[in-house]
């Protein structure tokens, strides 16, 4: 199963994915798919960006490729990649 490197961009908190050129992109479809044999090297590359305060909490995630495109296997990572699983009422609580 391929891996991707996911993190949060420090500047704005957005979820980002490491692309093949070592840049951070917001779309899961533009992020690089890494085979397990080389995914550790990709994560080390991401950790250098963490040390330089570009991203925070880089980690490897398992990704499956289905008819609808790429999808993180773990539900936590799917929520990070695609947003909340329920609607958010911005008017709740008198806001």
PDB file of N, CA and C in Angstrom:
ATOM      1  N   UNK A   1       0.853  -1.179   0.000  1.00  0.00           N
ATOM      2  CA  UNK A   1       0.000   0.000   0.000  1.00  0.00           C
ATOM      3  C   UNK A   1       0.894   1.236   0.000  1.00  0.00           C
ATOM      4  N   UNK A   2       0.627   2.200  -0.878  1.00  0.00           N
ATOM      5  CA  UNK A   2       1.464   3.398  -0.928  1.00  0.00           C
ATOM      6  C   UNK A   2       1.239   4.304   0.288  1.00  0.00           C
ATOM      7  N   UNK A   3       2.230   5.122   0.536  1.00  0.00           N
ATOM      8  CA  UNK A   3       2.179   6.109   1.606  1.00  0.00           C
ATOM      9  C   UNK A   3       2.195   7.513   1.011  1.00  0.00           C
ATOM     10  N   UNK A   4       1.734   8.457   1.810  1.00  0.00           N
ATOM     11  CA  UNK A   4       1.896   9.873   1.517  1.00  0.00           C
ATOM     12  C   UNK A   4       2.404  10.536   2.781  1.00  0.00           C
ATOM     13  N   UNK A   5       3.035  11.695   2.613  1.00  0.00           N
ATOM     14  CA  UNK A   5       3.452  12.493   3.761  1.00  0.00           C
ATOM     15  C   UNK A   5       2.443  13.620   3.910  1.00  0.00           C
ATOM     16  N   UNK A   6       1.844  13.702   5.097  1.00  0.00           N
ATOM     17  CA  UNK A   6       0.851  14.721   5.414  1.00  0.00           C
ATOM     18  C   UNK A   6       1.387  15.572   6.565  1.00  0.00           C
ATOM     19  N   UNK A   7       1.010  16.836   6.588  1.00  0.00           N
ATOM     20  CA  UNK A   7       1.429  17.742   7.672  1.00  0.00           C
ATOM     21  C   UNK A   7       0.450  18.910   7.696  1.00  0.00           C
ATOM     22  N   UNK A   8       0.679  19.823   8.617  1.00  0.00           N
ATOM     23  CA  UNK A   8      -0.058  21.086   8.636  1.00  0.00           C
ATOM     24  C   UNK A   8       0.943  22.195   8.371  1.00  0.00           C
ATOM     25  N   UNK A   9       0.586  23.074   7.448  1.00  0.00           N
ATOM     26  CA  UNK A   9       1.441  24.215   7.145  1.00  0.00           C
ATOM     27  C   UNK A   9       1.396  25.154   8.341  1.00  0.00           C
ATOM     28  N   UNK A  10       2.535  25.560   8.829  1.00  0.00           N
ATOM     29  CA  UNK A  10       2.614  26.374  10.038  1.00  0.00           C
ATOM     30  C   UNK A  10       2.023  27.770   9.835  1.00  0.00           C
ATOM     31  N   UNK A  11       2.184  28.320   8.664  1.00  0.00           N
ATOM     32  CA  UNK A  11       1.720  29.692   8.381  1.00  0.00           C
ATOM     33  C   UNK A  11       0.213  29.855   8.563  1.00  0.00           C
ATOM     34  N   UNK A  12      -0.571  28.837   8.120  1.00  0.00           N
ATOM     35  CA  UNK A  12      -2.030  29.000   8.153  1.00  0.00           C
ATOM     36  C   UNK A  12      -2.784  27.777   8.681  1.00  0.00           C
ATOM     37  N   UNK A  13      -2.070  26.741   9.062  1.00  0.00           N
ATOM     38  CA  UNK A  13      -2.703  25.555   9.630  1.00  0.00           C
ATOM     39  C   UNK A  13      -3.300  24.593   8.622  1.00  0.00           C
ATOM     40  N   UNK A  14      -3.231  24.905   7.339  1.00  0.00           N
ATOM     41  CA  UNK A  14      -3.809  24.044   6.314  1.00  0.00           C
ATOM     42  C   UNK A  14      -3.134  22.679   6.269  1.00  0.00           C
ATOM     43  N   UNK A  15      -3.923  21.658   5.970  1.00  0.00           N
ATOM     44  CA  UNK A  15      -3.379  20.324   5.740  1.00  0.00           C
ATOM     45  C   UNK A  15      -2.696  20.336   4.382  1.00  0.00           C
ATOM     46  N   UNK A  16      -1.468  19.814   4.349  1.00  0.00           N
ATOM     47  CA  UNK A  16      -0.691  19.786   3.111  1.00  0.00           C
ATOM     48  C   UNK A  16      -0.042  18.423   2.923  1.00  0.00           C
ATOM     49  N   UNK A  17       0.316  18.147   1.674  1.00  0.00           N
ATOM     50  CA  UNK A  17       0.920  16.878   1.295  1.00  0.00           C
ATOM     51  C   UNK A  17       2.219  17.165   0.563  1.00  0.00           C
ATOM     52  N   UNK A  18       3.217  16.339   0.797  1.00  0.00           N
ATOM     53  CA  UNK A  18       4.512  16.503   0.135  1.00  0.00           C
ATOM     54  C   UNK A  18       4.399  15.993  -1.296  1.00  0.00           C
ATOM     55  N   UNK A  19       4.811  16.824  -2.261  1.00  0.00           N
ATOM     56  CA  UNK A  19       4.733  16.400  -3.664  1.00  0.00           C
ATOM     57  C   UNK A  19       6.065  15.782  -4.095  1.00  0.00           C
ATOM     58  N   UNK A  20       6.132  15.231  -5.309  1.00  0.00           N
ATOM     59  CA  UNK A  20       7.364  14.554  -5.746  1.00  0.00           C
ATOM     60  C   UNK A  20       8.602  15.448  -5.768  1.00  0.00           C
ATOM     61  N   UNK A  21       8.404  16.755  -5.928  1.00  0.00           N
ATOM     62  CA  UNK A  21       9.542  17.685  -5.982  1.00  0.00           C
ATOM     63  C   UNK A  21       9.944  18.206  -4.603  1.00  0.00           C
ATOM     64  N   UNK A  22       9.224  17.774  -3.551  1.00  0.00           N
ATOM     65  CA  UNK A  22       9.555  18.224  -2.209  1.00  0.00           C
ATOM     66  C   UNK A  22       8.847  19.495  -1.795  1.00  0.00           C
ATOM     67  N   UNK A  23       7.808  19.892  -2.531  1.00  0.00           N
ATOM     68  CA  UNK A  23       7.010  21.058  -2.184  1.00  0.00           C
ATOM     69  C   UNK A  23       5.747  20.598  -1.464  1.00  0.00           C
ATOM     70  N   UNK A  24       5.122  21.517  -0.751  1.00  0.00           N
ATOM     71  CA  UNK A  24       3.886  21.214  -0.034  1.00  0.00           C
ATOM     72  C   UNK A  24       2.695  21.698  -0.843  1.00  0.00           C
ATOM     73  N   UNK A  25       1.739  20.797  -1.065  1.00  0.00           N
ATOM     74  CA  UNK A  25       0.546  21.105  -1.854  1.00  0.00           C
ATOM     75  C   UNK A  25      -0.693  20.816  -1.018  1.00  0.00           C
ATOM     76  N   UNK A  26      -1.781  21.517  -1.298  1.00  0.00           N
ATOM     77  CA  UNK A  26      -3.008  21.346  -0.530  1.00  0.00           C
ATOM     78  C   UNK A  26      -3.885  20.209  -1.022  1.00  0.00           C
ATOM     79  N   UNK A  27      -3.687  19.755  -2.230  1.00  0.00           N
ATOM     80  CA  UNK A  27      -4.528  18.706  -2.810  1.00  0.00           C
ATOM     81  C   UNK A  27      -3.893  17.329  -2.617  1.00  0.00           C
ATOM     82  N   UNK A  28      -4.672  16.404  -2.088  1.00  0.00           N
ATOM     83  CA  UNK A  28      -4.180  15.038  -1.930  1.00  0.00           C
ATOM     84  C   UNK A  28      -3.812  14.437  -3.284  1.00  0.00           C
ATOM     85  N   UNK A  29      -4.496  14.865  -4.340  1.00  0.00           N
ATOM     86  CA  UNK A  29      -4.226  14.330  -5.669  1.00  0.00           C
ATOM     87  C   UNK A  29      -2.893  14.801  -6.245  1.00  0.00           C
ATOM     88  N   UNK A  30      -2.334  15.867  -5.712  1.00  0.00           N
ATOM     89  CA  UNK A  30      -1.044  16.375  -6.194  1.00  0.00           C
ATOM     90  C   UNK A  30       0.129  15.898  -5.347  1.00  0.00           C
ATOM     91  N   UNK A  31      -0.162  15.311  -4.194  1.00  0.00           N
ATOM     92  CA  UNK A  31       0.893  14.795  -3.332  1.00  0.00           C
ATOM     93  C   UNK A  31       1.527  13.542  -3.917  1.00  0.00           C
ATOM     94  N   UNK A  32       2.749  13.279  -3.532  1.00  0.00           N
ATOM     95  CA  UNK A  32       3.477  12.108  -4.032  1.00  0.00           C
ATOM     96  C   UNK A  32       3.006  10.840  -3.332  1.00  0.00           C
ATOM     97  N   UNK A  33       2.949   9.775  -4.090  1.00  0.00           N
ATOM     98  CA  UNK A  33       2.723   8.444  -3.528  1.00  0.00           C
ATOM     99  C   UNK A  33       4.089   7.795  -3.370  1.00  0.00           C
ATOM    100  N   UNK A  34       4.388   7.345  -2.172  1.00  0.00           N
ATOM    101  CA  UNK A  34       5.699   6.769  -1.867  1.00  0.00           C
ATOM    102  C   UNK A  34       5.536   5.290  -1.574  1.00  0.00           C
ATOM    103  N   UNK A  35       6.360   4.493  -2.178  1.00  0.00           N
ATOM    104  CA  UNK A  35       6.392   3.067  -1.847  1.00  0.00           C
ATOM    105  C   UNK A  35       7.035   2.929  -0.465  1.00  0.00           C
ATOM    106  N   UNK A  36       6.644   1.908   0.282  1.00  0.00           N
ATOM    107  CA  UNK A  36       7.179   1.752   1.647  1.00  0.00           C
ATOM    108  C   UNK A  36       8.701   1.792   1.730  1.00  0.00           C
ATOM    109  N   UNK A  37       9.390   1.301   0.714  1.00  0.00           N
ATOM    110  CA  UNK A  37      10.857   1.259   0.746  1.00  0.00           C
ATOM    111  C   UNK A  37      11.492   2.647   0.758  1.00  0.00           C
ATOM    112  N   UNK A  38      10.802   3.650   0.241  1.00  0.00           N
ATOM    113  CA  UNK A  38      11.381   5.003   0.185  1.00  0.00           C
ATOM    114  C   UNK A  38      10.598   6.017   1.011  1.00  0.00           C
ATOM    115  N   UNK A  39       9.530   5.585   1.649  1.00  0.00           N
ATOM    116  CA  UNK A  39       8.704   6.537   2.395  1.00  0.00           C
ATOM    117  C   UNK A  39       9.430   7.131   3.598  1.00  0.00           C
ATOM    118  N   UNK A  40      10.335   6.379   4.213  1.00  0.00           N
ATOM    119  CA  UNK A  40      11.083   6.910   5.360  1.00  0.00           C
ATOM    120  C   UNK A  40      11.951   8.094   4.931  1.00  0.00           C
ATOM    121  N   UNK A  41      12.529   8.029   3.737  1.00  0.00           N
ATOM    122  CA  UNK A  41      13.343   9.137   3.233  1.00  0.00           C
ATOM    123  C   UNK A  41      12.471  10.360   2.971  1.00  0.00           C
ATOM    124  N   UNK A  42      11.258  10.157   2.475  1.00  0.00           N
ATOM    125  CA  UNK A  42      10.334  11.275   2.247  1.00  0.00           C
ATOM    126  C   UNK A  42       9.948  11.924   3.571  1.00  0.00           C
ATOM    127  N   UNK A  43       9.732  11.107   4.588  1.00  0.00           N
ATOM    128  CA  UNK A  43       9.395  11.654   5.896  1.00  0.00           C
ATOM    129  C   UNK A  43      10.568  12.447   6.475  1.00  0.00           C
ATOM    130  N   UNK A  44      11.768  11.973   6.278  1.00  0.00           N
ATOM    131  CA  UNK A  44      12.942  12.724   6.748  1.00  0.00           C
ATOM    132  C   UNK A  44      13.030  14.081   6.051  1.00  0.00           C
ATOM    133  N   UNK A  45      12.714  14.114   4.773  1.00  0.00           N
ATOM    134  CA  UNK A  45      12.685  15.381   4.029  1.00  0.00           C
ATOM    135  C   UNK A  45      11.660  16.323   4.657  1.00  0.00           C
ATOM    136  N   UNK A  46      10.501  15.784   5.000  1.00  0.00           N
ATOM    137  CA  UNK A  46       9.444  16.593   5.621  1.00  0.00           C
ATOM    138  C   UNK A  46       9.869  17.095   6.994  1.00  0.00           C
ATOM    139  N   UNK A  47      10.590  16.295   7.724  1.00  0.00           N
ATOM    140  CA  UNK A  47      11.037  16.699   9.066  1.00  0.00           C
ATOM    141  C   UNK A  47      12.036  17.854   8.996  1.00  0.00           C
ATOM    142  N   UNK A  48      12.767  17.956   7.899  1.00  0.00           N
ATOM    143  CA  UNK A  48      13.650  19.123   7.721  1.00  0.00           C
ATOM    144  C   UNK A  48      12.809  20.393   7.584  1.00  0.00           C
ATOM    145  N   UNK A  49      11.685  20.283   6.871  1.00  0.00           N
ATOM    146  CA  UNK A  49      10.791  21.447   6.777  1.00  0.00           C
ATOM    147  C   UNK A  49      10.156  21.767   8.123  1.00  0.00           C
ATOM    148  N   UNK A  50       9.917  20.748   8.931  1.00  0.00           N
ATOM    149  CA  UNK A  50       9.398  20.997  10.273  1.00  0.00           C
ATOM    150  C   UNK A  50      10.435  21.757  11.100  1.00  0.00           C
ATOM    151  N   UNK A  51      11.694  21.348  10.995  1.00  0.00           N
ATOM    152  CA  UNK A  51      12.763  22.030  11.727  1.00  0.00           C
ATOM    153  C   UNK A  51      12.928  23.473  11.264  1.00  0.00           C
ATOM    154  N   UNK A  52      12.594  23.739   9.991  1.00  0.00           N
ATOM    155  CA  UNK A  52      12.675  25.098   9.439  1.00  0.00           C
ATOM    156  C   UNK A  52      11.375  25.883   9.621  1.00  0.00           C
ATOM    157  N   UNK A  53      10.442  25.340  10.405  1.00  0.00           N
ATOM    158  CA  UNK A  53       9.161  25.993  10.714  1.00  0.00           C
ATOM    159  C   UNK A  53       8.289  26.255   9.488  1.00  0.00           C
ATOM    160  N   UNK A  54       8.307  25.307   8.553  1.00  0.00           N
ATOM    161  CA  UNK A  54       7.437  25.384   7.381  1.00  0.00           C
ATOM    162  C   UNK A  54       6.147  24.614   7.651  1.00  0.00           C
ATOM    163  N   UNK A  55       6.292  23.420   8.224  1.00  0.00           N
ATOM    164  CA  UNK A  55       5.149  22.567   8.555  1.00  0.00           C
ATOM    165  C   UNK A  55       5.298  22.060   9.982  1.00  0.00           C
ATOM    166  N   UNK A  56       4.209  21.487  10.493  1.00  0.00           N
ATOM    167  CA  UNK A  56       4.226  20.888  11.814  1.00  0.00           C
ATOM    168  C   UNK A  56       3.615  19.494  11.708  1.00  0.00           C
ATOM    169  N   UNK A  57       4.129  18.574  12.495  1.00  0.00           N
ATOM    170  CA  UNK A  57       3.607  17.223  12.623  1.00  0.00           C
ATOM    171  C   UNK A  57       3.560  16.432  11.318  1.00  0.00           C
ATOM    172  N   UNK A  58       4.666  16.388  10.545  1.00  0.00           N
ATOM    173  CA  UNK A  58       4.644  15.557   9.352  1.00  0.00           C
ATOM    174  C   UNK A  58       4.577  14.078   9.735  1.00  0.00           C
ATOM    175  N   UNK A  59       3.796  13.338   8.984  1.00  0.00           N
ATOM    176  CA  UNK A  59       3.692  11.901   9.253  1.00  0.00           C
ATOM    177  C   UNK A  59       3.333  11.162   7.969  1.00  0.00           C
ATOM    178  N   UNK A  60       3.595   9.868   7.986  1.00  0.00           N
ATOM    179  CA  UNK A  60       3.235   9.017   6.860  1.00  0.00           C
ATOM    180  C   UNK A  60       1.825   8.490   7.060  1.00  0.00           C
ATOM    181  N   UNK A  61       1.061   8.446   5.986  1.00  0.00           N
ATOM    182  CA  UNK A  61      -0.265   7.855   6.041  1.00  0.00           C
ATOM    183  C   UNK A  61      -0.382   6.816   4.933  1.00  0.00           C
ATOM    184  N   UNK A  62      -1.156   5.780   5.202  1.00  0.00           N
ATOM    185  CA  UNK A  62      -1.478   4.793   4.182  1.00  0.00           C
ATOM    186  C   UNK A  62      -2.586   5.352   3.312  1.00  0.00           C
ATOM    187  N   UNK A  63      -2.461   5.138   2.010  1.00  0.00           N
ATOM    188  CA  UNK A  63      -3.432   5.667   1.063  1.00  0.00           C
ATOM    189  C   UNK A  63      -3.904   4.535   0.152  1.00  0.00           C
ATOM    190  N   UNK A  64      -5.213   4.522  -0.094  1.00  0.00           N
ATOM    191  CA  UNK A  64      -5.732   3.591  -1.084  1.00  0.00           C
ATOM    192  C   UNK A  64      -6.184   4.399  -2.292  1.00  0.00           C
ATOM    193  N   UNK A  65      -6.087   3.775  -3.445  1.00  0.00           N
ATOM    194  CA  UNK A  65      -6.502   4.428  -4.673  1.00  0.00           C
ATOM    195  C   UNK A  65      -7.738   3.697  -5.176  1.00  0.00           C
ATOM    196  N   UNK A  66      -8.831   4.432  -5.250  1.00  0.00           N
ATOM    197  CA  UNK A  66     -10.109   3.845  -5.658  1.00  0.00           C
ATOM    198  C   UNK A  66     -10.659   4.642  -6.837  1.00  0.00           C
ATOM    199  N   UNK A  67     -11.849   4.293  -7.259  1.00  0.00           N
ATOM    200  CA  UNK A  67     -12.476   4.976  -8.377  1.00  0.00           C
ATOM    201  C   UNK A  67     -12.657   6.458  -8.157  1.00  0.00           C
ATOM    202  N   UNK A  68     -12.750   6.878  -6.901  1.00  0.00           N
ATOM    203  CA  UNK A  68     -12.937   8.293  -6.575  1.00  0.00           C
ATOM    204  C   UNK A  68     -11.620   9.004  -6.322  1.00  0.00           C
ATOM    205  N   UNK A  69     -10.515   8.347  -6.573  1.00  0.00           N
ATOM    206  CA  UNK A  69      -9.203   8.957  -6.374  1.00  0.00           C
ATOM    207  C   UNK A  69      -8.532   8.440  -5.112  1.00  0.00           C
ATOM    208  N   UNK A  70      -7.614   9.207  -4.598  1.00  0.00           N
ATOM    209  CA  UNK A  70      -6.843   8.820  -3.415  1.00  0.00           C
ATOM    210  C   UNK A  70      -7.656   9.062  -2.156  1.00  0.00           C
ATOM    211  N   UNK A  71      -7.483   8.167  -1.215  1.00  0.00           N
ATOM    212  CA  UNK A  71      -8.205   8.272   0.048  1.00  0.00           C
ATOM    213  C   UNK A  71      -7.340   7.708   1.170  1.00  0.00           C
ATOM    214  N   UNK A  72      -7.130   8.488   2.248  1.00  0.00           N
ATOM    215  CA  UNK A  72      -6.411   7.940   3.398  1.00  0.00           C
ATOM    216  C   UNK A  72      -7.168   6.750   3.972  1.00  0.00           C
ATOM    217  N   UNK A  73      -6.452   5.743   4.417  1.00  0.00           N
ATOM    218  CA  UNK A  73      -7.068   4.545   4.973  1.00  0.00           C
ATOM    219  C   UNK A  73      -7.666   4.827   6.349  1.00  0.00           C
ATOM    220  N   UNK A  74      -6.942   5.529   7.207  1.00  0.00           N
ATOM    221  CA  UNK A  74      -7.406   5.814   8.570  1.00  0.00           C
ATOM    222  C   UNK A  74      -8.409   6.960   8.551  1.00  0.00           C
ATOM    223  N   UNK A  75      -9.475   6.828   9.306  1.00  0.00           N
ATOM    224  CA  UNK A  75     -10.535   7.841   9.336  1.00  0.00           C
ATOM    225  C   UNK A  75     -10.006   9.195   9.813  1.00  0.00           C
ATOM    226  N   UNK A  76      -9.108   9.197  10.789  1.00  0.00           N
ATOM    227  CA  UNK A  76      -8.541  10.465  11.282  1.00  0.00           C
ATOM    228  C   UNK A  76      -7.866  11.219  10.150  1.00  0.00           C
ATOM    229  N   UNK A  77      -7.118  10.512   9.328  1.00  0.00           N
ATOM    230  CA  UNK A  77      -6.417  11.152   8.223  1.00  0.00           C
ATOM    231  C   UNK A  77      -7.381  11.557   7.115  1.00  0.00           C
ATOM    232  N   UNK A  78      -8.461  10.806   6.921  1.00  0.00           N
ATOM    233  CA  UNK A  78      -9.472  11.194   5.931  1.00  0.00           C
ATOM    234  C   UNK A  78     -10.121  12.517   6.343  1.00  0.00           C
ATOM    235  N   UNK A  79     -10.392  12.670   7.624  1.00  0.00           N
ATOM    236  CA  UNK A  79     -10.980  13.921   8.113  1.00  0.00           C
ATOM    237  C   UNK A  79      -9.992  15.067   7.932  1.00  0.00           C
ATOM    238  N   UNK A  80      -8.724  14.826   8.224  1.00  0.00           N
ATOM    239  CA  UNK A  80      -7.722  15.873   8.012  1.00  0.00           C
ATOM    240  C   UNK A  80      -7.652  16.262   6.540  1.00  0.00           C
ATOM    241  N   UNK A  81      -7.710  15.275   5.658  1.00  0.00           N
ATOM    242  CA  UNK A  81      -7.553  15.532   4.234  1.00  0.00           C
ATOM    243  C   UNK A  81      -8.780  16.182   3.605  1.00  0.00           C
ATOM    244  N   UNK A  82      -9.973  15.785   4.050  1.00  0.00           N
ATOM    245  CA  UNK A  82     -11.189  16.214   3.369  1.00  0.00           C
ATOM    246  C   UNK A  82     -12.132  17.045   4.220  1.00  0.00           C
ATOM    247  N   UNK A  83     -11.823  17.251   5.488  1.00  0.00           N
ATOM    248  CA  UNK A  83     -12.666  18.081   6.334  1.00  0.00           C
ATOM    249  C   UNK A  83     -13.596  17.266   7.208  1.00  0.00           C
ATOM    250  N   UNK A  84     -14.376  17.941   8.049  1.00  0.00           N
ATOM    251  CA  UNK A  84     -15.257  17.266   9.002  1.00  0.00           C
ATOM    252  C   UNK A  84     -16.261  16.355   8.305  1.00  0.00           C
ATOM    253  N   UNK A  85     -16.680  15.328   9.026  1.00  0.00           N
ATOM    254  CA  UNK A  85     -17.630  14.364   8.467  1.00  0.00           C
ATOM    255  C   UNK A  85     -19.070  14.784   8.710  1.00  0.00           C
ATOM    256  N   UNK A  86     -19.287  15.872   9.407  1.00  0.00           N
ATOM    257  CA  UNK A  86     -20.625  16.414   9.645  1.00  0.00           C
ATOM    258  C   UNK A  86     -20.617  17.895   9.283  1.00  0.00           C
ATOM    259  N   UNK A  87     -21.794  18.436   9.047  1.00  0.00           N
ATOM    260  CA  UNK A  87     -21.893  19.850   8.738  1.00  0.00           C
ATOM    261  C   UNK A  87     -21.576  20.695   9.942  1.00  0.00           C
ATOM    262  N   UNK A  88     -21.064  21.868   9.723  1.00  0.00           N
ATOM    263  CA  UNK A  88     -20.740  22.798  10.815  1.00  0.00           C
ATOM    264  C   UNK A  88     -21.696  23.980  10.721  1.00  0.00           C
ATOM    265  N   UNK A  89     -22.457  24.210  11.785  1.00  0.00           N
ATOM    266  CA  UNK A  89     -23.388  25.327  11.825  1.00  0.00           C
ATOM    267  C   UNK A  89     -22.671  26.519  12.440  1.00  0.00           C
ATOM    268  N   UNK A  90     -22.292  27.474  11.615  1.00  0.00           N
ATOM    269  CA  UNK A  90     -21.539  28.632  12.122  1.00  0.00           C
ATOM    270  C   UNK A  90     -22.412  29.554  12.950  1.00  0.00           C
ATOM    271  N   UNK A  91     -23.718  29.345  12.918  1.00  0.00           N
ATOM    272  CA  UNK A  91     -24.615  30.196  13.691  1.00  0.00           C
ATOM    273  C   UNK A  91     -25.002  29.582  15.047  1.00  0.00           C
ATOM    274  N   UNK A  92     -24.512  28.393  15.329  1.00  0.00           N
ATOM    275  CA  UNK A  92     -24.842  27.728  16.596  1.00  0.00           C
ATOM    276  C   UNK A  92     -24.191  28.477  17.757  1.00  0.00           C
ATOM    277  N   UNK A  93     -24.848  28.462  18.874  1.00  0.00           N
ATOM    278  CA  UNK A  93     -24.278  29.044  20.081  1.00  0.00           C
ATOM    279  C   UNK A  93     -24.266  30.563  20.074  1.00  0.00           C
ATOM    280  N   UNK A  94     -25.091  31.185  19.257  1.00  0.00           N
ATOM    281  CA  UNK A  94     -25.177  32.648  19.260  1.00  0.00           C
ATOM    282  C   UNK A  94     -24.045  33.347  18.561  1.00  0.00           C
ATOM    283  N   UNK A  95     -23.319  32.619  17.717  1.00  0.00           N
ATOM    284  CA  UNK A  95     -22.195  33.245  17.001  1.00  0.00           C
ATOM    285  C   UNK A  95     -22.641  33.906  15.730  1.00  0.00           C
TER     286      UNK A  95
END
